[in-house]
C-alpha atoms as a PDB file:
ATOM      1  CA  MET A   1     175.130  -4.937-130.666  1.00  0.00           C
ATOM      2  CA  ALA A   2     177.652  -4.019-128.395  1.00  0.00           C
ATOM      3  CA  LYS A   3     177.576  -5.016-124.543  1.00  0.00           C
ATOM      4  CA  SER A   4     178.146  -2.011-122.242  1.00  0.00           C
ATOM      5  CA  GLN A   5     180.426  -2.667-119.455  1.00  0.00           C
ATOM      6  CA  ALA A   6     179.099  -3.453-115.709  1.00  0.00           C
ATOM      7  CA  GLY A   7     177.602  -0.335-114.016  1.00  0.00           C
ATOM      8  CA  SER A   8     178.354   2.192-117.343  1.00  0.00           C
ATOM      9  CA  SER A   9     175.043   3.713-119.024  1.00  0.00           C
ATOM     10  CA  PRO A  10     174.776   5.557-122.327  1.00  0.00           C
ATOM     11  CA  TYR A  11     174.581   8.900-119.852  1.00  0.00           C
ATOM     12  CA  SER A  12     177.479   8.276-118.073  1.00  0.00           C
ATOM     13  CA  GLU A  13     179.665  10.550-120.278  1.00  0.00           C
ATOM     14  CA  TYR A  14     177.295  13.379-119.780  1.00  0.00           C
ATOM     15  CA  VAL A  15     177.233  12.716-116.116  1.00  0.00           C
ATOM     16  CA  SER A  16     180.724  12.971-115.666  1.00  0.00           C
ATOM     17  CA  LYS A  17     181.040  16.354-117.289  1.00  0.00           C
ATOM     18  CA  ALA A  18     177.954  17.080-115.004  1.00  0.00           C
ATOM     19  CA  GLU A  19     179.771  16.599-112.060  1.00  0.00           C
ATOM     20  CA  ASP A  20     183.702  17.857-113.187  1.00  0.00           C
ATOM     21  CA  VAL A  21     181.307  21.746-113.938  1.00  0.00           C
ATOM     22  CA  ALA A  22     179.459  21.258-110.267  1.00  0.00           C
ATOM     23  CA  ASP A  23     182.903  20.352-108.949  1.00  0.00           C
ATOM     24  CA  GLN A  24     184.255  23.488-110.781  1.00  0.00           C
ATOM     25  CA  ILE A  25     181.712  25.653-109.650  1.00  0.00           C
ATOM     26  CA  LEU A  26     181.783  24.959-106.197  1.00  0.00           C
ATOM     27  CA  ARG A  27     185.436  25.103-105.810  1.00  0.00           C
ATOM     28  CA  ASN A  28     185.381  28.732-107.127  1.00  0.00           C
ATOM     29  CA  SER A  29     182.167  29.872-105.267  1.00  0.00           C
ATOM     30  CA  LYS A  30     183.545  27.964-102.076  1.00  0.00           C
ATOM     31  CA  HIS A  31     184.135  32.036-100.697  1.00  0.00           C
ATOM     32  CA  VAL A  32     180.427  33.336-101.298  1.00  0.00           C
ATOM     33  CA  LEU A  33     178.668  30.369 -99.895  1.00  0.00           C
ATOM     34  CA  PRO A  34     178.786  31.404 -96.476  1.00  0.00           C
ATOM     35  CA  HIS A  35     178.078  35.289 -97.267  1.00  0.00           C
ATOM     36  CA  PHE A  36     175.463  33.957 -99.446  1.00  0.00           C
ATOM     37  CA  ALA A  37     173.781  31.571 -96.042  1.00  0.00           C
ATOM     38  CA  ARG A  38     173.893  34.090 -93.829  1.00  0.00           C
ATOM     39  CA  PHE A  39     172.240  37.004 -95.995  1.00  0.00           C
ATOM     40  CA  CYS A  40     169.346  34.058 -97.080  1.00  0.00           C
ATOM     41  CA  LEU A  41     169.001  33.413 -92.904  1.00  0.00           C
ATOM     42  CA  ILE A  42     168.661  37.361 -92.367  1.00  0.00           C
ATOM     43  CA  SER A  43     166.844  38.234 -95.648  1.00  0.00           C
ATOM     44  CA  THR A  44     163.374  38.858 -93.773  1.00  0.00           C
ATOM     45  CA  PHE A  45     164.897  41.143 -91.094  1.00  0.00           C
ATOM     46  CA  PHE A  46     166.616  42.872 -93.711  1.00  0.00           C
ATOM     47  CA  GLU A  47     163.478  43.340 -95.847  1.00  0.00           C
ATOM     48  CA  ASP A  48     161.566  44.692 -92.949  1.00  0.00           C
ATOM     49  CA  GLY A  49     164.136  47.216 -91.847  1.00  0.00           C
ATOM     50  CA  PHE A  50     164.306  48.454 -95.380  1.00  0.00           C
ATOM     51  CA  ARG A  51     160.306  48.663 -95.561  1.00  0.00           C
ATOM     52  CA  MET A  52     160.846  50.561 -92.193  1.00  0.00           C
ATOM     53  CA  TRP A  53     162.875  52.663 -93.854  1.00  0.00           C
ATOM     54  CA  PHE A  54     161.096  53.456 -96.827  1.00  0.00           C
ATOM     55  CA  GLN A  55     157.535  53.784 -95.563  1.00  0.00           C
ATOM     56  CA  TRP A  56     158.399  55.220 -92.268  1.00  0.00           C
ATOM     57  CA  ASP A  57     155.440  57.514 -92.171  1.00  0.00           C
ATOM     58  CA  GLU A  58     153.138  54.944 -92.920  1.00  0.00           C
ATOM     59  CA  GLN A  59     154.713  52.723 -90.157  1.00  0.00           C
ATOM     60  CA  ARG A  60     154.451  54.938 -87.322  1.00  0.00           C
ATOM     61  CA  ASP A  61     150.477  56.059 -88.369  1.00  0.00           C
ATOM     62  CA  TYR A  62     150.286  52.318 -88.326  1.00  0.00           C
ATOM     63  CA  MET A  63     151.105  52.062 -84.921  1.00  0.00           C
ATOM     64  CA  ASP A  64     149.385  55.166 -83.355  1.00  0.00           C
ATOM     65  CA  GLN A  65     146.106  54.282 -85.467  1.00  0.00           C
ATOM     66  CA  THR A  66     146.086  50.158 -84.770  1.00  0.00           C
ATOM     67  CA  TRP A  67     147.560  50.422 -81.105  1.00  0.00           C
ATOM     68  CA  HIS A  68     146.284  53.833 -80.126  1.00  0.00           C
ATOM     69  CA  CYS A  69     149.748  54.335 -78.515  1.00  0.00           C
ATOM     70  CA  GLY A  70     150.532  57.828 -79.513  1.00  0.00           C
ATOM     71  CA  TYR A  71     152.649  59.509 -81.812  1.00  0.00           C
ATOM     72  CA  VAL A  72     155.871  59.507 -79.917  1.00  0.00           C
ATOM     73  CA  LEU A  73     155.747  55.723 -78.686  1.00  0.00           C
ATOM     74  CA  GLY A  74     155.029  54.647 -82.534  1.00  0.00           C
ATOM     75  CA  THR A  75     158.014  56.402 -83.594  1.00  0.00           C
ATOM     76  CA  ILE A  76     160.191  54.705 -80.682  1.00  0.00           C
ATOM     77  CA  PHE A  77     158.832  51.402 -81.399  1.00  0.00           C
ATOM     78  CA  VAL A  78     159.480  51.956 -85.421  1.00  0.00           C
ATOM     79  CA  LEU A  79     162.873  53.754 -84.868  1.00  0.00           C
ATOM     80  CA  TYR A  80     163.645  50.823 -82.718  1.00  0.00           C
ATOM     81  CA  ASN A  81     162.863  47.915 -85.068  1.00  0.00           C
ATOM     82  CA  LEU A  82     164.377  49.787 -87.851  1.00  0.00           C
ATOM     83  CA  VAL A  83     168.008  50.191 -86.286  1.00  0.00           C
ATOM     84  CA  SER A  84     167.883  46.883 -84.603  1.00  0.00           C
ATOM     85  CA  GLN A  85     167.076  45.118 -87.735  1.00  0.00           C
ATOM     86  CA  LEU A  86     169.494  46.924 -89.930  1.00  0.00           C
ATOM     87  CA  ALA A  87     172.303  46.878 -87.560  1.00  0.00           C
ATOM     88  CA  GLY A  88     171.330  43.420 -86.372  1.00  0.00           C
ATOM     89  CA  CYS A  89     171.778  42.702 -90.263  1.00  0.00           C
ATOM     90  CA  VAL A  90     175.199  44.727 -90.601  1.00  0.00           C
ATOM     91  CA  MET A  91     177.004  43.074 -88.042  1.00  0.00           C
ATOM     92  CA  VAL A  92     175.699  39.504 -88.967  1.00  0.00           C
ATOM     93  CA  LEU A  93     176.967  39.654 -92.529  1.00  0.00           C
ATOM     94  CA  SER A  94     180.266  41.400 -91.462  1.00  0.00           C
ATOM     95  CA  ARG A  95     180.818  39.041 -88.778  1.00  0.00           C
ATOM     96  CA  GLN A  96     181.194  41.754 -86.417  1.00  0.00           C
ATOM     97  CA  LYS A  97     179.896  40.760 -82.645  1.00  0.00           C
ATOM     98  CA  VAL A  98     177.687  38.105 -84.031  1.00  0.00           C
ATOM     99  CA  GLU A  99     176.415  37.063 -80.630  1.00  0.00           C
ATOM    100  CA  ILE A 100     175.096  40.755 -79.771  1.00  0.00           C
ATOM    101  CA  ALA A 101     173.553  40.910 -83.524  1.00  0.00           C
ATOM    102  CA  VAL A 102     172.233  37.550 -83.005  1.00  0.00           C
ATOM    103  CA  GLY A 103     170.623  39.246 -79.078  1.00  0.00           C
ATOM    104  CA  MET A 104     169.460  42.475 -81.177  1.00  0.00           C
ATOM    105  CA  LEU A 105     167.460  40.389 -84.016  1.00  0.00           C
ATOM    106  CA  SER A 106     165.959  38.321 -81.323  1.00  0.00           C
ATOM    107  CA  SER A 107     165.126  40.845 -79.071  1.00  0.00           C
ATOM    108  CA  VAL A 108     163.065  42.427 -82.169  1.00  0.00           C
ATOM    109  CA  ILE A 109     161.133  39.463 -82.217  1.00  0.00           C
ATOM    110  CA  VAL A 110     160.195  39.503 -78.527  1.00  0.00           C
ATOM    111  CA  VAL A 111     159.674  43.133 -78.389  1.00  0.00           C
ATOM    112  CA  GLN A 112     156.880  42.653 -81.425  1.00  0.00           C
ATOM    113  CA  VAL A 113     155.298  39.458 -79.817  1.00  0.00           C
ATOM    114  CA  SER A 114     155.079  41.186 -76.588  1.00  0.00           C
ATOM    115  CA  ILE A 115     153.392  44.212 -77.886  1.00  0.00           C
ATOM    116  CA  SER A 116     151.189  42.558 -80.268  1.00  0.00           C
ATOM    117  CA  LEU A 117     149.944  40.163 -77.650  1.00  0.00           C
ATOM    118  CA  TYR A 118     149.432  42.873 -75.069  1.00  0.00           C
ATOM    119  CA  TYR A 119     147.424  45.093 -77.024  1.00  0.00           C
ATOM    120  CA  LEU A 120     145.279  42.212 -78.484  1.00  0.00           C
ATOM    121  CA  CYS A 121     144.856  40.954 -75.035  1.00  0.00           C
ATOM    122  CA  PHE A 122     143.880  44.182 -74.055  1.00  0.00           C
ATOM    123  CA  TYR A 123     141.706  44.541 -76.964  1.00  0.00           C
ATOM    124  CA  PHE A 124     139.653  41.544 -76.263  1.00  0.00           C
ATOM    125  CA  PHE A 125     139.718  42.508 -72.387  1.00  0.00           C
ATOM    126  CA  TYR A 126     137.936  45.978 -73.165  1.00  0.00           C
ATOM    127  CA  ARG A 127     135.712  43.918 -75.498  1.00  0.00           C
ATOM    128  CA  SER A 128     134.662  41.432 -72.970  1.00  0.00           C
ATOM    129  CA  PHE A 129     133.985  43.298 -70.072  1.00  0.00           C
ATOM    130  CA  CYS A 130     133.287  46.800 -71.221  1.00  0.00           C
ATOM    131  CA  PRO A 131     129.397  45.470 -71.530  1.00  0.00           C
ATOM    132  CA  LEU A 132     130.085  43.967 -67.793  1.00  0.00           C
ATOM    133  CA  PHE A 133     130.800  47.424 -66.438  1.00  0.00           C
ATOM    134  CA  SER A 134     128.534  49.226 -68.097  1.00  0.00           C
ATOM    135  CA  SER A 135     125.828  46.987 -66.341  1.00  0.00           C
ATOM    136  CA  LEU A 136     127.319  47.127 -63.243  1.00  0.00           C
ATOM    137  CA  LYS A 137     127.261  51.314 -63.493  1.00  0.00           C
ATOM    138  CA  SER A 138     123.476  50.959 -64.232  1.00  0.00           C
ATOM    139  CA  LEU A 139     122.843  49.221 -61.076  1.00  0.00           C
ATOM    140  CA  VAL A 140     124.323  51.643 -59.006  1.00  0.00           C
END
């Protein structure tokens, strides 16, 4: 039985070949990785923007029926989200005015959270205080 050298194993040749292949792949794909990484970071905005594009009527009607904000405000909200998300994604991917694009995408989050919290709080306020107002009205 032959003694193996220190630090070598029966798989060292395979490991060496795998490292060479991985190194070659990384060298060839180095120019693609930054674009792929940017796309992964904005993929949620990208998907949401295209969903709004293809489901325009459903999104607008959902806003109107759920939040009772009216047809016009629902349309404005969906349009703002659509334009901000898709334009922001294009700007980030093309590396054009990235700071503005990040601001646009951040504003989408802030607006969505603010409006959701506003209507959610209003709903609970309304649900909690309507019985109180009704009972006070009956006392008068």
